Amino acid sequence: MRYLAVLGLCLLGSYSQGHAQQGAKPRPPAGTVITKPLHEEGDKLPSPVLPAEKFLSTWEWRSGTTVFRLQLSRNLNLLLPNGKSVPAIVGQHSYTRNRILKETSLNKKMTVLAKPVAGNILSGIFTDLTKNKSGWLTISVMPTTPNKMSWVLEPKEGAVTGNAPMPAAGFTVPTTMTLTRVL
């Protein structure tokens, strides 16, 4: 029985090879690495990436007497610890709750470090100054309303080792918001 199944597969394989479509490209053997040029005639070109300029502005979120303000700008030569410089989007923020300033980095230091990753999305790190911790940040300009963007802040996962203190739970600023361009 096993012999008949193997024979049937062999016959089917030889039949399909002999009756392949005219002009079809032969398939490479299994395990072959296929490389493709960036653009071939007839290929659909990828959609252009949203320019970083769409993010560069002052943005604000309000809820009653709570206000979060974010200023994003470009840093063409951000120096990394390994000595390389890369272009990046950097930002400073302020956060007031009940008209009391809870946290600000304005005119002090950068608390957002991000880069465009796809279309209308920035991805990076946000530093919470009050709790002395950072989290993963995703900022997305809304395609249908380019004067609005979403903000999603998530904690970094990982273990605390040695005698390091446990980081404070949560963040000082809201973790999800829809900001509006104000300048």
N, C-alpha and C. Protein backbone atom coordinates (compact mmCIF):
# COMPACT_ATOMS: atom_id res chain seq x y z
N MET A 1 0.83 -1.18 0.00
CA MET A 1 0.00 0.00 0.00
C MET A 1 0.88 1.26 0.00
N ARG A 2 1.90 1.24 0.87
CA ARG A 2 2.81 2.39 0.93
C ARG A 2 3.49 2.59 -0.42
N TYR A 3 3.85 1.48 -1.10
CA TYR A 3 4.50 1.55 -2.41
C TYR A 3 3.59 2.26 -3.41
N LEU A 4 2.30 1.96 -3.40
CA LEU A 4 1.37 2.59 -4.33
C LEU A 4 1.24 4.09 -4.07
N ALA A 5 1.23 4.48 -2.80
CA ALA A 5 1.13 5.91 -2.46
C ALA A 5 2.36 6.67 -2.95
N VAL A 6 3.56 6.08 -2.78
CA VAL A 6 4.79 6.72 -3.24
C VAL A 6 4.79 6.80 -4.76
N LEU A 7 4.38 5.72 -5.41
CA LEU A 7 4.33 5.70 -6.86
C LEU A 7 3.35 6.76 -7.38
N GLY A 8 2.20 6.90 -6.72
CA GLY A 8 1.22 7.90 -7.12
C GLY A 8 1.76 9.31 -7.00
N LEU A 9 2.49 9.58 -5.91
CA LEU A 9 3.09 10.91 -5.73
C LEU A 9 4.15 11.19 -6.78
N CYS A 10 4.94 10.16 -7.13
CA CYS A 10 5.97 10.35 -8.16
C CYS A 10 5.33 10.64 -9.51
N LEU A 11 4.28 9.89 -9.85
CA LEU A 11 3.60 10.13 -11.12
C LEU A 11 2.96 11.50 -11.16
N LEU A 12 2.32 11.89 -10.05
CA LEU A 12 1.70 13.21 -9.98
C LEU A 12 2.74 14.31 -10.14
N GLY A 13 3.91 14.14 -9.50
CA GLY A 13 4.98 15.12 -9.61
C GLY A 13 5.49 15.24 -11.03
N SER A 14 5.70 14.12 -11.71
CA SER A 14 6.20 14.18 -13.08
C SER A 14 5.14 14.73 -14.03
N TYR A 15 3.87 14.45 -13.77
CA TYR A 15 2.78 15.00 -14.59
C TYR A 15 2.73 16.52 -14.47
N SER A 16 2.81 17.01 -13.23
CA SER A 16 2.71 18.46 -13.04
C SER A 16 3.92 19.18 -13.62
N GLN A 17 5.11 18.56 -13.59
CA GLN A 17 6.29 19.19 -14.19
C GLN A 17 6.17 19.25 -15.70
N GLY A 18 5.63 18.18 -16.29
CA GLY A 18 5.49 18.13 -17.73
C GLY A 18 4.39 19.02 -18.25
N HIS A 19 3.44 19.38 -17.41
CA HIS A 19 2.31 20.20 -17.84
C HIS A 19 2.29 21.56 -17.17
N ALA A 20 3.45 22.08 -16.88
CA ALA A 20 3.53 23.41 -16.27
C ALA A 20 3.10 24.45 -17.29
N GLN A 21 2.65 25.59 -16.81
CA GLN A 21 2.20 26.66 -17.69
C GLN A 21 3.35 27.17 -18.53
N GLN A 22 3.02 27.52 -19.78
CA GLN A 22 4.02 28.08 -20.66
C GLN A 22 4.49 29.42 -20.09
N GLY A 23 5.77 29.66 -20.07
CA GLY A 23 6.32 30.93 -19.61
C GLY A 23 6.45 31.06 -18.10
N ALA A 24 6.00 30.05 -17.35
CA ALA A 24 6.13 30.12 -15.89
C ALA A 24 7.58 29.93 -15.50
N LYS A 25 8.01 30.64 -14.48
CA LYS A 25 9.38 30.51 -14.01
C LYS A 25 9.52 29.25 -13.17
N PRO A 26 10.59 28.48 -13.35
CA PRO A 26 10.77 27.28 -12.53
C PRO A 26 11.02 27.67 -11.08
N ARG A 27 10.56 26.85 -10.18
CA ARG A 27 10.78 27.12 -8.76
C ARG A 27 12.17 26.66 -8.36
N PRO A 28 12.84 27.45 -7.49
CA PRO A 28 14.16 27.02 -7.03
C PRO A 28 14.01 25.87 -6.05
N PRO A 29 15.06 25.05 -5.91
CA PRO A 29 15.00 23.94 -4.96
C PRO A 29 14.77 24.45 -3.53
N ALA A 30 14.20 23.59 -2.70
CA ALA A 30 13.94 23.95 -1.30
C ALA A 30 15.24 24.35 -0.62
N GLY A 31 15.14 25.36 0.24
CA GLY A 31 16.32 25.82 0.98
C GLY A 31 17.08 26.91 0.25
N THR A 32 16.68 27.26 -0.96
CA THR A 32 17.36 28.30 -1.73
C THR A 32 16.93 29.67 -1.21
N VAL A 33 17.89 30.55 -1.00
CA VAL A 33 17.60 31.91 -0.58
C VAL A 33 17.28 32.73 -1.81
N ILE A 34 16.11 33.35 -1.81
CA ILE A 34 15.68 34.14 -2.96
C ILE A 34 15.88 35.62 -2.63
N THR A 35 16.58 36.30 -3.49
CA THR A 35 16.74 37.75 -3.31
C THR A 35 16.04 38.42 -4.47
N LYS A 36 15.42 39.55 -4.20
CA LYS A 36 14.67 40.27 -5.22
C LYS A 36 15.12 41.72 -5.22
N PRO A 37 15.33 42.27 -6.42
CA PRO A 37 15.69 43.69 -6.46
C PRO A 37 14.58 44.53 -5.84
N LEU A 38 14.92 45.76 -5.48
CA LEU A 38 13.95 46.63 -4.84
C LEU A 38 12.74 46.89 -5.73
N HIS A 39 12.92 46.98 -7.02
CA HIS A 39 11.79 47.27 -7.90
C HIS A 39 11.99 46.55 -9.22
N GLU A 40 10.99 45.79 -9.65
CA GLU A 40 11.00 45.16 -10.95
C GLU A 40 9.82 45.72 -11.74
N GLU A 41 9.96 45.71 -13.05
CA GLU A 41 8.90 46.21 -13.90
C GLU A 41 7.60 45.47 -13.61
N GLY A 42 6.53 46.22 -13.44
CA GLY A 42 5.24 45.62 -13.16
C GLY A 42 4.93 45.51 -11.67
N ASP A 43 5.94 45.64 -10.81
CA ASP A 43 5.70 45.59 -9.36
C ASP A 43 4.99 46.86 -8.91
N LYS A 44 4.14 46.73 -7.93
CA LYS A 44 3.49 47.90 -7.35
C LYS A 44 4.49 48.56 -6.39
N LEU A 45 4.71 49.83 -6.57
CA LEU A 45 5.64 50.55 -5.71
C LEU A 45 5.04 50.71 -4.31
N PRO A 46 5.87 50.64 -3.26
CA PRO A 46 5.33 50.83 -1.92
C PRO A 46 4.83 52.25 -1.74
N SER A 47 3.82 52.40 -0.90
CA SER A 47 3.30 53.75 -0.65
C SER A 47 4.36 54.55 0.10
N PRO A 48 4.43 55.85 -0.15
CA PRO A 48 5.45 56.66 0.50
C PRO A 48 5.21 56.75 2.00
N VAL A 49 6.31 56.82 2.74
CA VAL A 49 6.24 56.97 4.19
C VAL A 49 5.83 58.40 4.50
N LEU A 50 4.95 58.56 5.47
CA LEU A 50 4.52 59.89 5.86
C LEU A 50 5.73 60.68 6.35
N PRO A 51 5.95 61.87 5.82
CA PRO A 51 7.12 62.64 6.25
C PRO A 51 7.08 62.94 7.74
N ALA A 52 8.24 62.99 8.34
CA ALA A 52 8.36 63.28 9.77
C ALA A 52 7.77 64.64 10.11
N GLU A 53 7.69 65.54 9.14
CA GLU A 53 7.15 66.87 9.40
C GLU A 53 5.73 66.82 9.95
N LYS A 54 4.99 65.78 9.63
CA LYS A 54 3.62 65.64 10.13
C LYS A 54 3.58 65.55 11.65
N PHE A 55 4.66 65.10 12.27
CA PHE A 55 4.72 64.95 13.72
C PHE A 55 5.26 66.19 14.42
N LEU A 56 6.02 67.00 13.68
CA LEU A 56 6.73 68.13 14.28
C LEU A 56 5.78 69.28 14.56
N SER A 57 5.46 69.45 15.84
CA SER A 57 4.51 70.48 16.24
C SER A 57 4.36 70.42 17.75
N THR A 58 3.44 71.24 18.25
CA THR A 58 3.04 71.16 19.65
C THR A 58 1.65 70.53 19.68
N TRP A 59 1.49 69.52 20.53
CA TRP A 59 0.26 68.75 20.63
C TRP A 59 -0.26 68.85 22.06
N GLU A 60 -1.58 68.71 22.20
CA GLU A 60 -2.16 68.86 23.54
C GLU A 60 -3.35 67.92 23.72
N TRP A 61 -3.49 67.44 24.96
CA TRP A 61 -4.64 66.65 25.37
C TRP A 61 -5.23 67.31 26.60
N ARG A 62 -6.56 67.49 26.63
CA ARG A 62 -7.24 68.11 27.77
C ARG A 62 -8.38 67.22 28.23
N SER A 63 -8.53 67.15 29.54
CA SER A 63 -9.68 66.49 30.16
C SER A 63 -9.99 67.27 31.42
N GLY A 64 -11.00 68.14 31.35
CA GLY A 64 -11.31 69.00 32.49
C GLY A 64 -10.15 69.93 32.76
N THR A 65 -9.58 69.87 33.97
CA THR A 65 -8.45 70.74 34.33
C THR A 65 -7.11 70.02 34.20
N THR A 66 -7.12 68.85 33.55
CA THR A 66 -5.88 68.10 33.32
C THR A 66 -5.42 68.37 31.89
N VAL A 67 -4.13 68.74 31.74
CA VAL A 67 -3.58 69.07 30.43
C VAL A 67 -2.22 68.41 30.27
N PHE A 68 -2.06 67.72 29.14
CA PHE A 68 -0.77 67.15 28.75
C PHE A 68 -0.35 67.86 27.48
N ARG A 69 0.85 68.42 27.44
CA ARG A 69 1.34 69.15 26.28
C ARG A 69 2.65 68.51 25.84
N LEU A 70 2.79 68.31 24.54
CA LEU A 70 3.96 67.64 23.96
C LEU A 70 4.50 68.46 22.80
N GLN A 71 5.80 68.73 22.82
CA GLN A 71 6.46 69.44 21.73
C GLN A 71 7.42 68.47 21.06
N LEU A 72 7.18 68.20 19.77
CA LEU A 72 8.04 67.29 19.02
C LEU A 72 8.86 68.07 18.01
N SER A 73 10.14 67.74 17.90
CA SER A 73 11.03 68.37 16.94
C SER A 73 11.99 67.32 16.38
N ARG A 74 12.73 67.72 15.37
CA ARG A 74 13.67 66.81 14.72
C ARG A 74 15.07 67.05 15.25
N ASN A 75 15.80 65.96 15.43
CA ASN A 75 17.22 66.04 15.76
C ASN A 75 17.92 65.21 14.70
N LEU A 76 18.58 65.88 13.75
CA LEU A 76 19.20 65.18 12.63
C LEU A 76 20.45 64.42 13.02
N ASN A 77 21.08 64.78 14.11
CA ASN A 77 22.34 64.14 14.49
C ASN A 77 22.33 63.73 15.96
N LEU A 78 21.38 62.92 16.34
CA LEU A 78 21.32 62.44 17.71
C LEU A 78 22.49 61.49 17.94
N LEU A 79 23.34 61.79 18.89
CA LEU A 79 24.52 60.99 19.17
C LEU A 79 24.16 59.83 20.10
N LEU A 80 24.40 58.62 19.64
CA LEU A 80 24.13 57.42 20.43
C LEU A 80 25.34 57.09 21.30
N PRO A 81 25.14 56.28 22.35
CA PRO A 81 26.27 55.91 23.23
C PRO A 81 27.41 55.21 22.49
N ASN A 82 27.11 54.54 21.36
CA ASN A 82 28.17 53.85 20.62
C ASN A 82 28.94 54.78 19.69
N GLY A 83 28.63 56.09 19.71
CA GLY A 83 29.35 57.05 18.90
C GLY A 83 28.70 57.36 17.56
N LYS A 84 27.72 56.57 17.13
CA LYS A 84 27.03 56.84 15.88
C LYS A 84 26.01 57.94 16.08
N SER A 85 25.72 58.66 15.00
CA SER A 85 24.64 59.66 15.07
C SER A 85 23.55 59.25 14.09
N VAL A 86 22.31 59.43 14.52
CA VAL A 86 21.15 59.04 13.72
C VAL A 86 20.12 60.15 13.76
N PRO A 87 19.28 60.26 12.72
CA PRO A 87 18.18 61.21 12.78
C PRO A 87 17.08 60.65 13.68
N ALA A 88 16.42 61.51 14.43
CA ALA A 88 15.37 61.07 15.35
C ALA A 88 14.37 62.19 15.57
N ILE A 89 13.23 61.82 16.13
CA ILE A 89 12.23 62.78 16.58
C ILE A 89 12.38 62.82 18.10
N VAL A 90 12.52 64.02 18.64
CA VAL A 90 12.68 64.18 20.09
C VAL A 90 11.56 65.07 20.61
N GLY A 91 11.29 64.96 21.89
CA GLY A 91 10.21 65.76 22.43
C GLY A 91 10.37 66.08 23.89
N GLN A 92 9.65 67.11 24.29
CA GLN A 92 9.56 67.54 25.68
C GLN A 92 8.08 67.64 26.02
N HIS A 93 7.76 67.54 27.29
CA HIS A 93 6.35 67.55 27.67
C HIS A 93 6.13 68.31 28.97
N SER A 94 4.86 68.63 29.22
CA SER A 94 4.44 69.14 30.52
C SER A 94 3.10 68.49 30.84
N TYR A 95 2.85 68.32 32.13
CA TYR A 95 1.62 67.67 32.57
C TYR A 95 1.09 68.38 33.81
N THR A 96 -0.12 68.91 33.70
CA THR A 96 -0.76 69.57 34.84
C THR A 96 -2.06 68.84 35.17
N ARG A 97 -2.31 68.69 36.46
CA ARG A 97 -3.55 68.07 36.92
C ARG A 97 -4.16 68.99 37.96
N ASN A 98 -5.44 69.33 37.79
CA ASN A 98 -6.14 70.28 38.66
C ASN A 98 -5.39 71.61 38.74
N ARG A 99 -4.87 72.04 37.57
CA ARG A 99 -4.12 73.30 37.43
C ARG A 99 -2.82 73.34 38.22
N ILE A 100 -2.34 72.19 38.66
CA ILE A 100 -1.06 72.09 39.37
C ILE A 100 -0.07 71.36 38.48
N LEU A 101 1.10 71.95 38.24
CA LEU A 101 2.12 71.34 37.40
C LEU A 101 2.67 70.10 38.10
N LYS A 102 2.48 68.94 37.50
CA LYS A 102 2.96 67.68 38.08
C LYS A 102 4.32 67.28 37.53
N GLU A 103 4.56 67.60 36.25
CA GLU A 103 5.82 67.20 35.64
C GLU A 103 6.07 68.05 34.40
N THR A 104 7.32 68.46 34.21
CA THR A 104 7.67 69.18 32.98
C THR A 104 9.12 68.90 32.61
N SER A 105 9.34 68.81 31.32
CA SER A 105 10.70 68.72 30.81
C SER A 105 10.96 69.88 29.85
N LEU A 106 9.98 70.77 29.69
CA LEU A 106 10.11 71.89 28.76
C LEU A 106 11.33 72.74 29.12
N ASN A 107 12.15 73.02 28.11
CA ASN A 107 13.38 73.79 28.27
C ASN A 107 14.38 73.15 29.23
N LYS A 108 14.24 71.85 29.47
CA LYS A 108 15.15 71.15 30.39
C LYS A 108 15.84 69.98 29.69
N LYS A 109 15.07 68.94 29.39
CA LYS A 109 15.66 67.77 28.76
C LYS A 109 14.63 67.08 27.88
N MET A 110 15.10 66.23 26.99
CA MET A 110 14.23 65.48 26.10
C MET A 110 13.66 64.28 26.85
N THR A 111 12.37 64.08 26.74
CA THR A 111 11.73 62.93 27.38
C THR A 111 11.10 61.98 26.37
N VAL A 112 11.11 62.37 25.10
CA VAL A 112 10.64 61.50 24.03
C VAL A 112 11.78 61.33 23.03
N LEU A 113 12.04 60.09 22.68
CA LEU A 113 13.02 59.76 21.66
C LEU A 113 12.37 58.71 20.77
N ALA A 114 12.10 59.08 19.50
CA ALA A 114 11.36 58.17 18.63
C ALA A 114 11.85 58.28 17.19
N LYS A 115 11.40 57.33 16.39
CA LYS A 115 11.70 57.36 14.96
C LYS A 115 10.48 56.84 14.20
N PRO A 116 10.29 57.32 12.96
CA PRO A 116 9.20 56.79 12.15
C PRO A 116 9.47 55.31 11.84
N VAL A 117 8.44 54.48 12.01
CA VAL A 117 8.62 53.05 11.73
C VAL A 117 7.78 52.58 10.56
N ALA A 118 6.64 53.19 10.32
CA ALA A 118 5.80 52.80 9.18
C ALA A 118 4.72 53.85 9.00
N GLY A 119 4.56 54.28 7.75
CA GLY A 119 3.47 55.19 7.43
C GLY A 119 3.33 56.35 8.38
N ASN A 120 2.32 56.30 9.22
CA ASN A 120 2.02 57.42 10.11
C ASN A 120 2.33 57.10 11.56
N ILE A 121 3.33 56.26 11.81
CA ILE A 121 3.61 55.80 13.17
C ILE A 121 5.03 56.14 13.60
N LEU A 122 5.15 56.68 14.81
CA LEU A 122 6.44 56.86 15.48
C LEU A 122 6.51 55.84 16.60
N SER A 123 7.68 55.31 16.82
CA SER A 123 7.87 54.37 17.92
C SER A 123 9.14 54.77 18.66
N GLY A 124 9.09 54.68 19.99
CA GLY A 124 10.26 55.07 20.75
C GLY A 124 10.10 54.89 22.24
N ILE A 125 10.79 55.76 22.97
CA ILE A 125 10.85 55.66 24.43
C ILE A 125 10.38 56.98 25.03
N PHE A 126 9.60 56.88 26.10
CA PHE A 126 9.19 58.05 26.88
C PHE A 126 9.79 57.89 28.28
N THR A 127 10.34 58.98 28.81
CA THR A 127 10.92 58.98 30.15
C THR A 127 10.00 59.72 31.11
N ASP A 128 9.55 59.02 32.15
CA ASP A 128 8.73 59.59 33.21
C ASP A 128 9.71 60.15 34.25
N LEU A 129 9.77 61.47 34.35
CA LEU A 129 10.74 62.11 35.24
C LEU A 129 10.39 61.90 36.71
N THR A 130 9.11 61.96 37.06
CA THR A 130 8.69 61.84 38.45
C THR A 130 8.98 60.45 39.00
N LYS A 131 8.69 59.43 38.23
CA LYS A 131 8.88 58.05 38.69
C LYS A 131 10.23 57.47 38.28
N ASN A 132 11.03 58.26 37.57
CA ASN A 132 12.37 57.86 37.17
C ASN A 132 12.36 56.51 36.45
N LYS A 133 11.51 56.41 35.42
CA LYS A 133 11.43 55.18 34.64
C LYS A 133 11.05 55.52 33.22
N SER A 134 11.17 54.57 32.33
CA SER A 134 10.80 54.80 30.94
C SER A 134 9.87 53.70 30.45
N GLY A 135 9.20 53.99 29.35
CA GLY A 135 8.27 53.04 28.76
C GLY A 135 8.31 53.13 27.25
N TRP A 136 7.71 52.13 26.59
CA TRP A 136 7.63 52.10 25.14
C TRP A 136 6.49 52.99 24.68
N LEU A 137 6.76 53.82 23.72
CA LEU A 137 5.80 54.81 23.24
C LEU A 137 5.49 54.57 21.77
N THR A 138 4.20 54.62 21.42
CA THR A 138 3.77 54.59 20.02
C THR A 138 2.87 55.80 19.79
N ILE A 139 3.23 56.59 18.79
CA ILE A 139 2.47 57.78 18.43
C ILE A 139 2.03 57.60 16.99
N SER A 140 0.74 57.80 16.72
CA SER A 140 0.21 57.62 15.37
C SER A 140 -0.61 58.84 14.97
N VAL A 141 -0.22 59.48 13.85
CA VAL A 141 -1.04 60.55 13.30
C VAL A 141 -2.21 59.87 12.61
N MET A 142 -3.40 60.36 12.87
CA MET A 142 -4.60 59.75 12.30
C MET A 142 -4.74 60.17 10.83
N PRO A 143 -4.79 59.22 9.91
CA PRO A 143 -4.79 59.54 8.48
C PRO A 143 -5.97 60.42 8.04
N THR A 144 -7.13 60.22 8.63
CA THR A 144 -8.29 61.01 8.20
C THR A 144 -8.35 62.38 8.86
N THR A 145 -7.68 62.53 10.00
CA THR A 145 -7.62 63.83 10.69
C THR A 145 -6.18 64.09 11.10
N PRO A 146 -5.35 64.64 10.19
CA PRO A 146 -3.92 64.80 10.45
C PRO A 146 -3.58 65.76 11.58
N ASN A 147 -4.55 66.48 12.13
CA ASN A 147 -4.29 67.35 13.27
C ASN A 147 -4.57 66.64 14.59
N LYS A 148 -4.76 65.32 14.54
CA LYS A 148 -4.95 64.53 15.75
C LYS A 148 -4.00 63.35 15.70
N MET A 149 -3.53 62.93 16.86
CA MET A 149 -2.70 61.74 16.92
C MET A 149 -2.95 60.98 18.21
N SER A 150 -2.77 59.68 18.14
CA SER A 150 -2.95 58.85 19.33
C SER A 150 -1.61 58.64 20.01
N TRP A 151 -1.65 58.48 21.31
CA TRP A 151 -0.49 58.29 22.19
C TRP A 151 -0.76 57.03 22.99
N VAL A 152 0.14 56.05 22.90
CA VAL A 152 0.02 54.83 23.69
C VAL A 152 1.36 54.59 24.36
N LEU A 153 1.33 54.53 25.68
CA LEU A 153 2.53 54.34 26.50
C LEU A 153 2.39 53.03 27.25
N GLU A 154 3.39 52.16 27.11
CA GLU A 154 3.35 50.85 27.75
C GLU A 154 4.61 50.65 28.58
N PRO A 155 4.49 49.93 29.69
CA PRO A 155 5.67 49.67 30.52
C PRO A 155 6.66 48.75 29.81
N LYS A 156 7.92 48.92 30.12
CA LYS A 156 8.94 48.00 29.62
C LYS A 156 8.87 46.74 30.46
N GLU A 157 8.95 45.61 29.80
CA GLU A 157 8.93 44.34 30.52
C GLU A 157 10.35 43.97 30.89
N GLY A 158 10.50 43.31 32.02
CA GLY A 158 11.82 42.86 32.42
C GLY A 158 11.89 42.60 33.90
N ALA A 159 12.95 41.96 34.29
CA ALA A 159 13.14 41.61 35.69
C ALA A 159 14.06 42.61 36.37
N VAL A 160 13.84 42.81 37.64
CA VAL A 160 14.73 43.64 38.46
C VAL A 160 15.71 42.69 39.12
N THR A 161 17.00 42.99 38.97
CA THR A 161 18.00 42.09 39.53
C THR A 161 18.81 42.80 40.60
N GLY A 162 19.46 42.00 41.41
CA GLY A 162 20.34 42.54 42.45
C GLY A 162 19.58 43.35 43.48
N ASN A 163 20.19 44.44 43.93
CA ASN A 163 19.60 45.29 44.96
C ASN A 163 18.85 46.49 44.38
N ALA A 164 18.56 46.44 43.08
CA ALA A 164 17.85 47.56 42.45
C ALA A 164 16.45 47.68 43.03
N PRO A 165 16.00 48.91 43.29
CA PRO A 165 14.64 49.08 43.83
C PRO A 165 13.60 48.76 42.77
N MET A 166 12.44 48.31 43.21
CA MET A 166 11.33 48.03 42.29
C MET A 166 10.85 49.37 41.73
N PRO A 167 10.68 49.47 40.40
CA PRO A 167 10.17 50.72 39.84
C PRO A 167 8.73 50.95 40.27
N ALA A 168 8.37 52.22 40.38
CA ALA A 168 7.00 52.59 40.76
C ALA A 168 6.03 52.10 39.69
N ALA A 169 4.86 51.68 40.12
CA ALA A 169 3.86 51.18 39.19
C ALA A 169 3.26 52.33 38.38
N GLY A 170 2.90 52.05 37.14
CA GLY A 170 2.23 53.04 36.31
C GLY A 170 3.13 54.19 35.89
N PHE A 171 2.51 55.20 35.31
CA PHE A 171 3.22 56.38 34.85
C PHE A 171 2.54 57.62 35.43
N THR A 172 3.27 58.71 35.50
CA THR A 172 2.73 59.97 35.98
C THR A 172 1.72 60.53 34.98
N VAL A 173 2.03 60.40 33.68
CA VAL A 173 1.16 60.91 32.63
C VAL A 173 0.19 59.82 32.18
N PRO A 174 -0.93 60.19 31.54
CA PRO A 174 -1.85 59.18 31.02
C PRO A 174 -1.16 58.27 29.99
N THR A 175 -1.59 57.03 29.92
CA THR A 175 -0.96 56.08 29.00
C THR A 175 -1.64 56.02 27.64
N THR A 176 -2.89 56.43 27.54
CA THR A 176 -3.56 56.51 26.24
C THR A 176 -4.28 57.85 26.13
N MET A 177 -4.04 58.54 25.02
CA MET A 177 -4.65 59.85 24.80
C MET A 177 -4.81 60.08 23.31
N THR A 178 -5.68 61.00 22.95
CA THR A 178 -5.75 61.53 21.60
C THR A 178 -5.39 63.00 21.69
N LEU A 179 -4.23 63.34 21.14
CA LEU A 179 -3.73 64.71 21.21
C LEU A 179 -4.15 65.49 19.96
N THR A 180 -4.28 66.80 20.13
CA THR A 180 -4.65 67.69 19.03
C THR A 180 -3.51 68.68 18.80
N ARG A 181 -3.23 68.94 17.52
CA ARG A 181 -2.18 69.91 17.17
C ARG A 181 -2.64 71.30 17.60
N VAL A 182 -1.80 72.02 18.34
CA VAL A 182 -2.17 73.37 18.78
C VAL A 182 -1.30 74.44 18.15
N LEU A 183 -0.14 74.11 17.67
CA LEU A 183 0.76 75.07 16.99
C LEU A 183 1.35 74.47 15.76
